[in-house]
Protein backbone atom coordinates (compact mmCIF):
# COMPACT_ATOMS: atom_id res chain seq x y z
CA MET A 1 5.60 7.22 13.76
CA SER A 2 7.41 4.16 14.94
CA ILE A 3 8.35 0.98 13.14
CA GLU A 4 6.13 -0.88 15.65
CA ARG A 5 3.03 1.30 14.77
CA TYR A 6 3.71 0.82 10.94
CA ILE A 7 3.86 -2.98 11.54
CA GLN A 8 0.60 -2.83 13.47
CA GLN A 9 -1.15 -1.21 10.65
CA LEU A 10 0.30 -3.83 8.32
CA ASP A 11 -1.10 -6.60 10.38
CA ASP A 12 -4.60 -4.70 10.47
CA ILE A 13 -4.48 -4.50 6.66
CA ASN A 14 -3.48 -8.27 6.25
CA ARG A 15 -6.47 -9.35 8.60
CA ASP A 16 -8.84 -7.24 6.41
CA ALA A 17 -7.37 -8.59 3.27
CA ASP A 18 -7.74 -12.17 4.47
CA ASP A 19 -11.35 -11.47 5.44
CA LEU A 20 -12.08 -10.19 2.05
CA LEU A 21 -10.30 -12.72 -0.06
CA SER A 22 -11.21 -15.96 1.81
CA ASN A 23 -14.49 -17.47 1.14
CA ILE A 24 -15.23 -15.59 -1.84
CA THR A 25 -15.83 -16.87 -5.39
CA ASP A 26 -13.89 -15.87 -8.33
CA ASP A 27 -17.09 -14.46 -9.78
CA GLN A 28 -17.44 -12.13 -6.81
CA VAL A 29 -13.82 -11.14 -7.05
CA ASN A 30 -14.27 -10.14 -10.61
CA ARG A 31 -17.79 -8.43 -10.27
CA GLN A 32 -17.69 -4.66 -10.69
CA PRO A 33 -20.32 -2.71 -8.77
CA GLY A 34 -20.95 -0.26 -11.55
CA LYS A 35 -19.62 0.79 -14.88
CA GLY A 36 -16.04 2.12 -14.62
CA GLN A 37 -15.79 0.94 -11.00
CA TRP A 38 -13.22 -1.42 -9.88
CA SER A 39 -13.87 -5.03 -8.58
CA ILE A 40 -12.38 -6.40 -5.61
CA GLY A 41 -9.81 -8.17 -7.84
CA GLN A 42 -8.82 -4.97 -9.54
CA CYS A 43 -8.38 -3.25 -6.03
CA PHE A 44 -6.00 -6.01 -4.99
CA SER A 45 -4.22 -6.31 -8.36
CA HIS A 46 -3.59 -2.50 -8.19
CA LEU A 47 -2.09 -2.81 -4.76
CA VAL A 48 0.16 -5.65 -5.85
CA VAL A 49 1.12 -3.91 -9.05
CA SER A 50 1.82 -0.49 -7.42
CA GLY A 51 3.51 -2.29 -4.40
CA ARG A 52 5.84 -4.23 -6.69
CA ALA A 53 6.85 -1.02 -8.43
CA GLU A 54 7.44 0.99 -5.32
CA LEU A 55 9.12 -1.62 -3.04
CA PRO A 56 12.52 -1.65 -4.96
CA HIS A 57 12.83 2.14 -4.37
CA VAL A 58 12.18 1.65 -0.50
CA GLN A 59 14.69 -1.20 -0.42
CA HIS A 60 17.28 1.03 -2.25
CA ALA A 61 16.68 3.83 0.14
CA ILE A 62 17.06 1.51 3.24
CA ARG A 63 20.45 0.11 1.79
CA LYS A 64 21.68 3.71 1.05
CA GLY A 65 20.51 4.93 4.48
CA ARG A 66 22.51 2.15 6.15
CA GLN A 67 25.55 2.70 3.98
CA ALA A 68 25.40 6.58 4.85
CA GLY A 69 24.91 5.94 8.55
CA LEU A 70 21.67 7.68 8.66
CA PHE A 71 20.39 6.45 12.12
CA GLY A 72 17.87 8.18 14.39
CA LYS A 73 15.10 7.52 16.90
CA PRO A 74 11.44 8.59 16.82
CA PRO A 75 9.73 10.76 16.95
CA PHE A 76 10.38 11.93 13.32
CA ARG A 77 9.10 15.13 11.86
CA TYR A 78 7.72 15.26 8.44
CA GLY A 79 6.90 18.12 6.00
CA PHE A 80 3.31 19.44 5.81
CA LEU A 81 2.71 18.86 2.02
CA ARG A 82 3.82 15.28 2.04
CA SER A 83 1.92 14.65 5.31
CA TRP A 84 -1.11 16.15 3.75
CA PHE A 85 -0.60 13.90 0.66
CA VAL A 86 -0.55 10.88 3.04
CA ARG A 87 -3.61 11.75 4.67
CA ALA A 88 -5.41 12.50 1.52
CA MET A 89 -4.42 9.04 0.13
CA ASP A 90 -5.90 7.32 3.16
CA GLU A 91 -9.36 5.59 3.18
CA ASN A 92 -11.24 8.66 4.27
CA GLY A 93 -9.07 11.14 2.55
CA GLY A 94 -11.94 12.44 0.44
CA ILE A 95 -9.93 13.13 -2.63
CA ARG A 96 -10.06 10.81 -5.64
CA PHE A 97 -6.89 9.97 -7.42
CA ARG A 98 -6.40 8.76 -10.91
CA ALA A 99 -3.98 5.76 -10.88
CA PRO A 100 -0.92 6.21 -13.15
CA ARG A 101 -0.65 3.79 -15.94
CA ILE A 102 2.26 1.68 -14.32
CA TYR A 103 0.00 1.08 -11.34
CA MET A 104 -3.18 -0.15 -13.23
CA PRO A 105 -4.45 -3.59 -12.57
CA ARG A 106 -2.76 -6.07 -14.95
CA ALA A 107 -5.37 -8.73 -15.71
CA SER A 108 -9.04 -8.62 -16.58
CA CYS A 109 -9.98 -11.88 -14.79
CA PHE A 110 -8.77 -12.71 -11.36
CA HIS A 111 -8.62 -15.77 -9.14
CA ALA A 112 -9.07 -15.04 -5.29
CA ALA A 113 -6.37 -17.59 -4.30
CA ASP A 114 -3.88 -16.00 -6.69
CA LEU A 115 -4.62 -12.47 -5.51
CA ALA A 116 -4.38 -13.53 -1.82
CA ALA A 117 -0.87 -15.25 -2.35
CA ASP A 118 0.33 -12.27 -4.42
CA PHE A 119 -0.79 -9.83 -1.76
CA SER A 120 0.53 -11.77 1.09
CA ASP A 121 3.87 -12.04 -0.61
CA LEU A 122 3.76 -8.35 -1.11
CA GLN A 123 3.05 -7.77 2.58
CA GLN A 124 5.92 -10.08 3.63
CA GLN A 125 8.27 -7.96 1.69
CA LEU A 126 7.08 -4.80 3.13
CA GLU A 127 7.33 -6.25 6.66
CA ILE A 128 10.96 -7.19 5.86
CA CYS A 129 11.56 -3.51 4.71
CA LEU A 130 9.99 -2.33 7.99
CA GLU A 131 12.10 -4.58 9.96
CA GLU A 132 15.32 -3.53 8.15
CA SER A 133 14.47 0.13 8.74
CA ARG A 134 14.71 -0.21 12.72
CA GLY A 135 17.22 2.38 13.99
CA LEU A 136 17.29 4.35 10.67
CA ASP A 137 16.35 7.98 10.54
CA LEU A 138 12.95 7.73 8.69
CA ALA A 139 12.82 11.49 8.20
CA LYS A 140 16.31 11.86 6.64
CA ILE A 141 16.40 8.99 4.18
CA ARG A 142 14.84 9.75 0.92
CA VAL A 143 12.77 7.41 -1.38
CA THR A 144 12.07 8.20 -4.95
CA THR A 145 8.73 6.89 -6.55
CA ALA A 146 8.23 4.69 -9.54
CA VAL A 147 6.21 7.34 -11.30
CA THR A 148 8.93 9.98 -11.43
CA LYS A 149 12.39 10.42 -9.76
CA HIS A 150 11.37 14.04 -9.17
CA ILE A 151 8.98 13.03 -6.43
CA THR A 152 10.44 11.88 -3.20
CA PHE A 153 9.26 11.03 0.28
CA SER A 154 11.12 10.47 3.45
CA LEU A 155 11.34 6.66 4.43
CA GLY A 156 8.76 7.21 7.10
CA GLU A 157 6.41 8.96 4.80
CA ALA A 158 6.87 6.39 2.11
CA PHE A 159 5.77 3.66 4.63
CA ALA A 160 2.82 5.68 5.71
CA LEU A 161 1.92 6.39 2.14
CA PHE A 162 2.21 2.70 1.28
CA LEU A 163 -0.12 1.75 4.21
CA ALA A 164 -2.64 4.57 3.62
CA HIS A 165 -2.84 3.64 -0.10
CA GLU A 166 -3.41 -0.03 1.06
CA ARG A 167 -6.13 0.88 3.54
CA ARG A 168 -7.85 3.16 0.81
CA HIS A 169 -8.17 0.28 -1.51
CA VAL A 170 -9.02 -2.51 1.00
CA HIS A 171 -11.86 -0.08 2.31
CA GLN A 172 -12.91 0.22 -1.40
CA ALA A 173 -12.85 -3.60 -1.88
CA TYR A 174 -15.15 -3.82 1.27
CA ARG A 175 -17.63 -1.39 -0.25
CA VAL A 176 -17.58 -3.53 -3.36
CA ARG A 177 -18.20 -6.62 -1.41
CA SER A 178 -21.14 -4.94 0.37
CA SER A 179 -22.64 -3.88 -3.04
CA PHE A 180 -23.43 -7.47 -3.87
CA VAL A 181 -24.49 -8.86 -0.47
CA VAL A 182 -28.13 -8.85 -0.37
CA GLY A 183 -30.25 -8.57 2.64
């Protein structure tokens, strides 16, 4: 996939996040639709926490890729297993994942404006990474994860996974919002 396509996906996610977090009360942001189910605030906090944990790994890989002269042009080819994992992570992936402890939402009470600002900041940092990746070989550059150094993805797969993960939880936040809209 091309950087342009990733940026388009990022823009779509940003529009959805803005729709979800604008004109919503703090009570609605914190309301859980059921026992053990995440609120809108928890969904976005999780995205911010996990994104802040993963972005330094992406930034490091971009720097190393540039230094090593790993340049290339799309289309890039990715492995089956990691591509499957990206698809499974997306909003319609059909598989439930348990968030690792380092990705868990940090607060118990959220404010819509703070979540919107934090998420916007994260998205701006991701867009910078995407822009800095132009011309790099997205299949050859490897990115480790914050969870363990033993799991790696290509830079392109890391971007795809990042965006799939965001779509998954933005879609979850929409389901939460629809659960308390009556009528």
